[in-house]
Amino acid sequence: MGGRLVEFGISDFGFAFGEDQDVEKVAKDYVDDPERVLQWGCTTFHRAPDGVYAVDLAAEAAEQALERAGVGVDEVDLVALATAENPEYLYWDSASALAGALKIKKTQTLLFDNEGCGSGTTAFGQIAGTLALQPELNTALFVVVNRVDEYRRNRMAINQCVHSDGAVAVVLRRGHGSNRWLTTEQFTDPDLVDGFRGEYGGAVNPVPPADWKNVDGSSVGWFQAHFGKDPKRLREFLVQRDERVAEIVDQACARVGLTRADLDHVIYINDARPGAIEAVSDPLGLPIERTNAEFARTHGHMGAADQLVSLGLHLERGDLKPGEIVALCGISAGMRWICTLFEI
């Protein structure tokens, strides 16, 4: 297949999740209308204990991946971290903090934190570019983590997903023969860039007003206002949204000489709403059994970590066979459509 900058694959995975929470039992603690949340189809999510933050989860997942791979920290040539949430501190490099938590003294780091829940998928293209430019790099550690900032964001009032805390780490090896990266593609529609932004905490509005609550940060209201509360325009956008997922998958396939007919599995964001994942898998000709729909219901939306977590869980369960093609795809802030292809 053509189009690859460099040959590398995933040798091992590691995971770390917050404590399991029953959506039905705790939804009332987050929203005034819990029945609406239950309709989304998510049964379980993970919440990190107080005092456990993103780098903590990332380090736990990383240590597990390195142990499974039999790789010492002194063998890691590159540490990369992706996240969709606010970091523990401003003006702070959480990728370097992760390297420090792993007791790595001197290394290259990459941080992906400005592409929303697409960061964990688009990052593979940037990592590939780094490996292509630096042939001396042989082993990379890539971690994707989500830890909801509950002060600014209500995990059940951001969009129509239950947001969850978790991390996944992968050991990437140059020339590894299985779980091989094929390509990464993405594009944005800048007209929708404000759809998922947080209004407070940045330079424009550093402090929220006294009467502000984190339930006020829903993206649903912004999209309704953007389309003039016109149901027809909103429906047209929702159709286009799903069509663009198929478009970016087709674009990725074309890059390496494939078509959607060559796909064996598609892994989307963990959107548990009835019909949400089918709207992506059906046009690609794949049944729901060849998606991450089951994991979406039981893990919730882990921001940028969804696709890679699901890929690892599918592999652990034996759902994927050598030679199969898997598309990791999704939508994120930007507004960005993304796809990364792997050959198992």
Protein backbone atom coordinates (compact mmCIF):
# COMPACT_ATOMS: atom_id res chain seq x y z
CA MET A 1 0.00 0.00 0.00
CA GLY A 2 1.25 3.47 -0.79
CA GLY A 3 0.99 6.63 1.25
CA ARG A 4 2.76 5.68 4.47
CA LEU A 5 5.52 7.97 5.65
CA VAL A 6 7.06 5.33 7.88
CA GLU A 7 6.36 1.78 9.03
CA PHE A 8 5.34 1.41 12.68
CA GLY A 9 2.76 -0.47 14.68
CA ILE A 10 1.27 -0.88 18.14
CA SER A 11 2.92 -3.64 20.12
CA ASP A 12 1.09 -3.34 23.45
CA PHE A 13 -1.70 -1.47 25.24
CA GLY A 14 -2.24 -0.26 28.79
CA PHE A 15 -5.42 1.10 30.38
CA ALA A 16 -6.49 3.12 33.42
CA PHE A 17 -10.08 4.00 34.24
CA GLY A 18 -11.82 6.00 36.90
CA GLU A 19 -14.22 4.27 39.25
CA ASP A 20 -17.30 2.72 37.63
CA GLN A 21 -20.48 4.74 38.04
CA ASP A 22 -24.04 3.62 37.29
CA VAL A 23 -25.63 6.28 35.10
CA GLU A 24 -29.14 5.53 36.33
CA LYS A 25 -28.11 5.93 39.97
CA VAL A 26 -26.08 9.13 39.70
CA ALA A 27 -27.61 11.09 36.80
CA LYS A 28 -29.76 13.07 39.24
CA ASP A 29 -26.58 14.39 40.84
CA TYR A 30 -25.59 16.05 37.56
CA VAL A 31 -28.80 17.20 35.88
CA ASP A 32 -32.38 18.06 36.79
CA ASP A 33 -33.81 15.83 34.07
CA PRO A 34 -32.06 12.46 34.45
CA GLU A 35 -34.55 10.69 32.20
CA ARG A 36 -33.16 12.63 29.24
CA VAL A 37 -29.66 11.33 30.02
CA LEU A 38 -30.89 7.74 30.34
CA GLN A 39 -32.33 7.95 26.83
CA TRP A 40 -28.80 8.33 25.46
CA GLY A 41 -28.16 4.64 26.13
CA CYS A 42 -25.01 4.87 28.26
CA THR A 43 -25.27 2.58 31.30
CA THR A 44 -21.85 3.02 32.93
CA PHE A 45 -19.12 5.65 32.99
CA HIS A 46 -15.87 6.15 34.89
CA ARG A 47 -15.17 8.95 37.35
CA ALA A 48 -11.65 9.51 38.67
CA PRO A 49 -11.51 9.93 42.46
CA ASP A 50 -10.95 13.43 43.78
CA GLY A 51 -7.24 14.18 43.68
CA VAL A 52 -6.57 11.86 40.72
CA TYR A 53 -5.90 13.91 37.61
CA ALA A 54 -5.05 13.36 33.97
CA VAL A 55 -1.31 12.77 34.36
CA ASP A 56 -2.02 10.26 37.15
CA LEU A 57 -4.29 8.22 34.89
CA ALA A 58 -1.88 8.60 31.98
CA ALA A 59 1.06 7.35 34.04
CA GLU A 60 -0.91 4.32 35.27
CA ALA A 61 -1.85 3.33 31.72
CA ALA A 62 1.70 3.98 30.49
CA GLU A 63 3.28 1.82 33.17
CA GLN A 64 0.97 -1.05 32.26
CA ALA A 65 1.74 -0.75 28.53
CA LEU A 66 5.50 -0.62 29.12
CA GLU A 67 5.36 -3.62 31.45
CA ARG A 68 3.35 -5.64 28.93
CA ALA A 69 5.83 -4.71 26.21
CA GLY A 70 8.84 -5.50 28.36
CA VAL A 71 10.19 -2.02 27.64
CA GLY A 72 12.16 -0.02 30.19
CA VAL A 73 11.76 3.74 30.42
CA ASP A 74 15.34 4.15 29.22
CA GLU A 75 14.31 2.53 25.91
CA VAL A 76 11.57 5.09 25.17
CA ASP A 77 12.70 7.54 22.49
CA LEU A 78 9.55 9.68 22.38
CA VAL A 79 6.71 10.40 24.82
CA ALA A 80 3.48 11.75 23.35
CA LEU A 81 0.31 12.72 25.21
CA ALA A 82 -3.11 13.66 23.86
CA THR A 83 -6.05 15.05 25.81
CA ALA A 84 -9.32 16.82 25.19
CA GLU A 85 -9.75 18.37 28.62
CA ASN A 86 -8.24 21.20 30.64
CA PRO A 87 -4.82 20.35 32.07
CA GLU A 88 -4.03 20.43 35.76
CA TYR A 89 -2.30 23.79 35.37
CA LEU A 90 -2.03 26.60 32.86
CA TYR A 91 1.29 27.27 31.09
CA TRP A 92 2.28 23.67 31.79
CA ASP A 93 3.41 20.82 29.55
CA SER A 94 1.55 17.71 30.66
CA ALA A 95 3.50 15.51 28.22
CA SER A 96 6.70 16.47 30.03
CA ALA A 97 4.94 15.95 33.35
CA LEU A 98 4.04 12.43 32.22
CA ALA A 99 7.66 11.74 31.32
CA GLY A 100 8.63 12.98 34.78
CA ALA A 101 6.04 10.77 36.47
CA LEU A 102 7.58 7.80 34.64
CA LYS A 103 11.05 8.91 35.84
CA ILE A 104 12.33 9.49 32.32
CA LYS A 105 15.19 11.94 32.64
CA LYS A 106 15.70 13.20 29.11
CA THR A 107 13.48 12.57 26.11
CA GLN A 108 11.51 14.14 23.31
CA THR A 109 7.87 14.89 24.05
CA LEU A 110 4.83 15.80 21.99
CA LEU A 111 1.62 17.29 23.39
CA PHE A 112 -1.71 17.20 21.53
CA ASP A 113 -4.32 19.22 23.38
CA ASN A 114 -5.96 21.61 20.91
CA GLU A 115 -8.05 19.32 18.75
CA GLY A 116 -10.71 18.27 21.23
CA CYS A 117 -11.71 14.62 21.19
CA GLY A 118 -9.91 14.19 17.87
CA SER A 119 -6.47 14.61 19.46
CA GLY A 120 -6.02 10.90 20.13
CA THR A 121 -6.64 10.02 16.47
CA THR A 122 -5.01 12.86 14.54
CA ALA A 123 -1.87 12.52 16.69
CA PHE A 124 -0.83 9.40 14.81
CA GLY A 125 -0.12 11.49 11.73
CA GLN A 126 2.12 13.84 13.71
CA ILE A 127 3.91 10.96 15.39
CA ALA A 128 4.45 9.36 11.99
CA GLY A 129 5.98 12.60 10.73
CA THR A 130 8.35 12.74 13.70
CA LEU A 131 9.45 9.14 13.16
CA ALA A 132 9.95 9.79 9.45
CA LEU A 133 12.16 12.80 10.11
CA GLN A 134 14.18 11.08 12.83
CA PRO A 135 15.09 7.53 11.83
CA GLU A 136 17.01 7.08 15.08
CA LEU A 137 13.71 6.97 17.00
CA ASN A 138 12.56 3.36 17.36
CA THR A 139 10.17 3.21 20.32
CA ALA A 140 7.47 5.73 21.19
CA LEU A 141 5.04 5.82 24.08
CA PHE A 142 1.72 7.41 23.19
CA VAL A 143 -0.94 8.05 25.85
CA VAL A 144 -4.43 9.46 25.42
CA VAL A 145 -6.25 10.59 28.55
CA ASN A 146 -9.55 12.15 29.53
CA ARG A 147 -10.24 13.55 32.97
CA VAL A 148 -13.27 15.86 33.04
CA ASP A 149 -12.71 19.27 34.64
CA GLU A 150 -15.87 19.16 36.75
CA TYR A 151 -15.58 22.78 37.80
CA ARG A 152 -15.99 24.02 34.23
CA ARG A 153 -17.80 21.13 32.60
CA ASN A 154 -20.73 19.02 33.69
CA ARG A 155 -20.07 15.57 32.29
CA MET A 156 -23.77 15.08 31.53
CA ALA A 157 -24.44 18.54 30.07
CA ILE A 158 -21.68 19.06 27.49
CA ASN A 159 -23.42 17.36 24.58
CA GLN A 160 -25.52 14.23 24.27
CA CYS A 161 -22.88 11.87 25.67
CA VAL A 162 -21.97 10.93 29.22
CA HIS A 163 -18.35 12.01 29.61
CA SER A 164 -16.00 9.62 31.33
CA ASP A 165 -12.48 9.49 32.82
CA GLY A 166 -9.92 7.08 31.43
CA ALA A 167 -6.57 6.65 29.73
CA VAL A 168 -5.04 4.34 27.16
CA ALA A 169 -1.34 3.95 26.42
CA VAL A 170 0.30 2.25 23.46
CA VAL A 171 3.89 1.29 22.77
CA LEU A 172 4.71 2.12 19.16
CA ARG A 173 7.62 0.31 17.51
CA ARG A 174 9.24 1.10 14.22
CA GLY A 175 8.84 -1.83 11.82
CA HIS A 176 6.37 -3.67 14.07
CA GLY A 177 4.49 -6.19 11.93
CA SER A 178 1.01 -6.07 13.47
CA ASN A 179 -1.46 -3.29 14.30
CA ARG A 180 0.31 -1.21 11.69
CA TRP A 181 -0.50 2.45 11.16
CA LEU A 182 -1.48 3.10 7.55
CA THR A 183 -2.49 6.75 7.35
CA THR A 184 -4.19 9.65 9.12
CA GLU A 185 -6.50 12.21 7.48
CA GLN A 186 -8.44 15.19 8.82
CA PHE A 187 -10.21 18.35 7.74
CA THR A 188 -12.08 21.13 9.51
CA ASP A 189 -15.06 23.39 8.92
CA PRO A 190 -13.93 26.67 10.56
CA ASP A 191 -17.49 28.04 10.46
CA LEU A 192 -18.24 25.73 13.40
CA VAL A 193 -15.14 26.48 15.46
CA ASP A 194 -17.06 28.01 18.38
CA GLY A 195 -19.39 25.06 18.83
CA PHE A 196 -17.52 23.37 21.66
CA ARG A 197 -15.55 26.21 23.17
CA GLY A 198 -15.56 26.89 26.89
CA GLU A 199 -16.54 30.49 27.57
CA TYR A 200 -14.63 30.95 30.81
CA GLY A 201 -11.05 30.32 31.89
CA GLY A 202 -9.27 31.77 28.86
CA ALA A 203 -7.80 35.23 28.29
CA VAL A 204 -11.10 36.78 27.10
CA ASN A 205 -13.17 35.67 30.11
CA PRO A 206 -10.76 34.36 32.73
CA VAL A 207 -13.36 34.20 35.52
CA PRO A 208 -17.00 33.09 35.19
CA PRO A 209 -19.77 35.33 36.53
CA ALA A 210 -20.99 34.67 40.06
CA ASP A 211 -24.26 33.07 38.92
CA TRP A 212 -22.65 30.75 36.34
CA LYS A 213 -23.07 26.97 36.62
CA ASN A 214 -21.23 24.31 34.69
CA VAL A 215 -24.50 23.09 33.18
CA ASP A 216 -24.49 26.30 31.13
CA GLY A 217 -21.69 24.98 28.91
CA SER A 218 -23.75 22.72 26.63
CA SER A 219 -22.78 22.73 22.95
CA VAL A 220 -26.35 21.81 21.96
CA GLY A 221 -27.63 25.33 22.62
CA TRP A 222 -24.83 26.87 20.54
CA PHE A 223 -25.64 24.73 17.51
CA GLN A 224 -29.33 25.52 17.81
CA ALA A 225 -28.57 29.24 17.90
CA HIS A 226 -26.02 28.96 15.07
CA PHE A 227 -28.66 27.52 12.78
CA GLY A 228 -31.21 30.10 13.82
CA LYS A 229 -33.29 27.52 15.70
CA ASP A 230 -34.42 26.40 12.25
CA PRO A 231 -35.16 22.64 12.45
CA LYS A 232 -34.63 22.20 8.72
CA ARG A 233 -31.16 23.76 8.74
CA LEU A 234 -30.21 21.78 11.84
CA ARG A 235 -31.38 18.51 10.27
CA GLU A 236 -29.41 19.27 7.12
CA PHE A 237 -26.30 19.84 9.21
CA LEU A 238 -26.77 16.58 11.12
CA VAL A 239 -27.01 14.70 7.82
CA GLN A 240 -23.91 16.48 6.54
CA ARG A 241 -22.09 15.73 9.79
CA ASP A 242 -22.47 11.99 9.28
CA GLU A 243 -21.78 12.20 5.54
CA ARG A 244 -18.48 13.90 6.29
CA VAL A 245 -17.43 10.99 8.48
CA ALA A 246 -17.80 8.70 5.46
CA GLU A 247 -16.00 11.30 3.36
CA ILE A 248 -12.94 11.41 5.62
CA VAL A 249 -12.88 7.60 5.79
CA ASP A 250 -12.94 7.45 2.00
CA GLN A 251 -10.14 10.03 1.89
CA ALA A 252 -8.00 7.94 4.24
CA CYS A 253 -8.67 4.76 2.27
CA ALA A 254 -7.76 6.45 -1.01
CA ARG A 255 -4.46 7.60 0.48
CA VAL A 256 -3.32 3.97 0.83
CA GLY A 257 -5.05 2.46 -2.19
CA LEU A 258 -8.11 1.10 -0.40
CA THR A 259 -11.86 1.69 -0.56
CA ARG A 260 -14.56 1.49 2.07
CA ALA A 261 -15.28 -2.04 0.80
CA ASP A 262 -11.88 -3.07 2.23
CA LEU A 263 -12.83 -2.03 5.77
CA ASP A 264 -13.49 -4.75 8.32
CA HIS A 265 -14.28 -2.63 11.40
CA VAL A 266 -15.05 0.99 12.17
CA ILE A 267 -14.47 2.55 15.58
CA TYR A 268 -16.21 5.86 16.21
CA ILE A 269 -16.46 8.09 19.28
CA ASN A 270 -18.33 6.47 22.18
CA ASP A 271 -21.72 7.90 21.29
CA ALA A 272 -24.22 5.50 22.85
CA ARG A 273 -27.36 7.19 21.55
CA PRO A 274 -29.61 4.81 19.62
CA GLY A 275 -28.68 4.98 15.95
CA ALA A 276 -25.66 7.26 16.40
CA ILE A 277 -22.96 4.74 15.52
CA GLU A 278 -25.18 3.04 12.93
CA ALA A 279 -25.38 6.39 11.11
CA VAL A 280 -21.62 6.08 10.61
CA SER A 281 -21.27 2.32 10.07
CA ASP A 282 -24.23 1.74 7.74
CA PRO A 283 -22.94 3.94 4.87
CA LEU A 284 -19.60 2.11 5.17
CA GLY A 285 -21.36 -1.23 4.77
CA LEU A 286 -20.45 -2.52 8.23
CA PRO A 287 -22.88 -4.06 10.74
CA ILE A 288 -23.11 -2.71 14.27
CA GLU A 289 -21.27 -5.81 15.54
CA ARG A 290 -18.13 -4.51 13.79
CA THR A 291 -18.15 -1.21 15.69
CA ASN A 292 -17.50 0.03 19.22
CA ALA A 293 -21.22 0.35 20.07
CA GLU A 294 -20.97 -2.07 22.99
CA PHE A 295 -18.05 -0.22 24.56
CA ALA A 296 -19.83 3.11 24.08
CA ARG A 297 -22.63 1.96 26.37
CA THR A 298 -20.39 0.60 29.12
CA HIS A 299 -17.50 3.07 29.13
CA GLY A 300 -19.03 6.44 28.20
CA HIS A 301 -17.33 9.12 26.13
CA MET A 302 -13.68 9.33 27.16
CA GLY A 303 -12.91 12.35 25.02
CA ALA A 304 -9.91 11.75 22.78
CA ALA A 305 -9.34 8.24 24.20
CA ASP A 306 -12.48 6.53 22.85
CA GLN A 307 -11.15 5.09 19.63
CA LEU A 308 -7.83 3.83 20.96
CA VAL A 309 -9.44 2.33 24.09
CA SER A 310 -11.95 0.49 21.93
CA LEU A 311 -9.25 -0.75 19.55
CA GLY A 312 -7.29 -2.17 22.47
CA LEU A 313 -10.35 -3.80 24.06
CA HIS A 314 -11.35 -5.37 20.74
CA LEU A 315 -7.84 -6.80 20.37
CA GLU A 316 -7.81 -8.16 23.93
CA ARG A 317 -11.13 -9.88 23.32
CA GLY A 318 -9.97 -11.43 20.06
CA ASP A 319 -12.49 -9.59 17.88
CA LEU A 320 -9.91 -8.54 15.27
CA LYS A 321 -8.00 -10.84 12.93
CA PRO A 322 -4.55 -10.34 11.37
CA GLY A 323 -4.76 -8.46 8.10
CA GLU A 324 -8.09 -6.79 8.87
CA ILE A 325 -8.43 -3.06 8.24
CA VAL A 326 -9.83 -0.90 11.05
CA ALA A 327 -10.89 2.72 10.69
CA LEU A 328 -10.67 4.93 13.78
CA CYS A 329 -12.84 7.92 12.96
CA GLY A 330 -14.76 10.71 14.59
CA ILE A 331 -15.73 14.34 14.95
CA SER A 332 -14.26 16.87 17.34
CA ALA A 333 -13.94 20.55 18.10
CA GLY A 334 -12.67 22.60 15.22
CA MET A 335 -15.05 21.38 13.86
CA ARG A 336 -12.87 18.50 12.73
CA TRP A 337 -13.49 15.21 10.93
CA ILE A 338 -10.77 12.60 11.40
CA CYS A 339 -9.76 9.10 10.37
CA THR A 340 -6.75 6.89 11.09
CA LEU A 341 -6.43 3.46 9.50
CA PHE A 342 -4.73 0.43 11.01
CA GLU A 343 -3.98 -3.00 9.58
CA ILE A 344 -4.17 -5.63 12.29
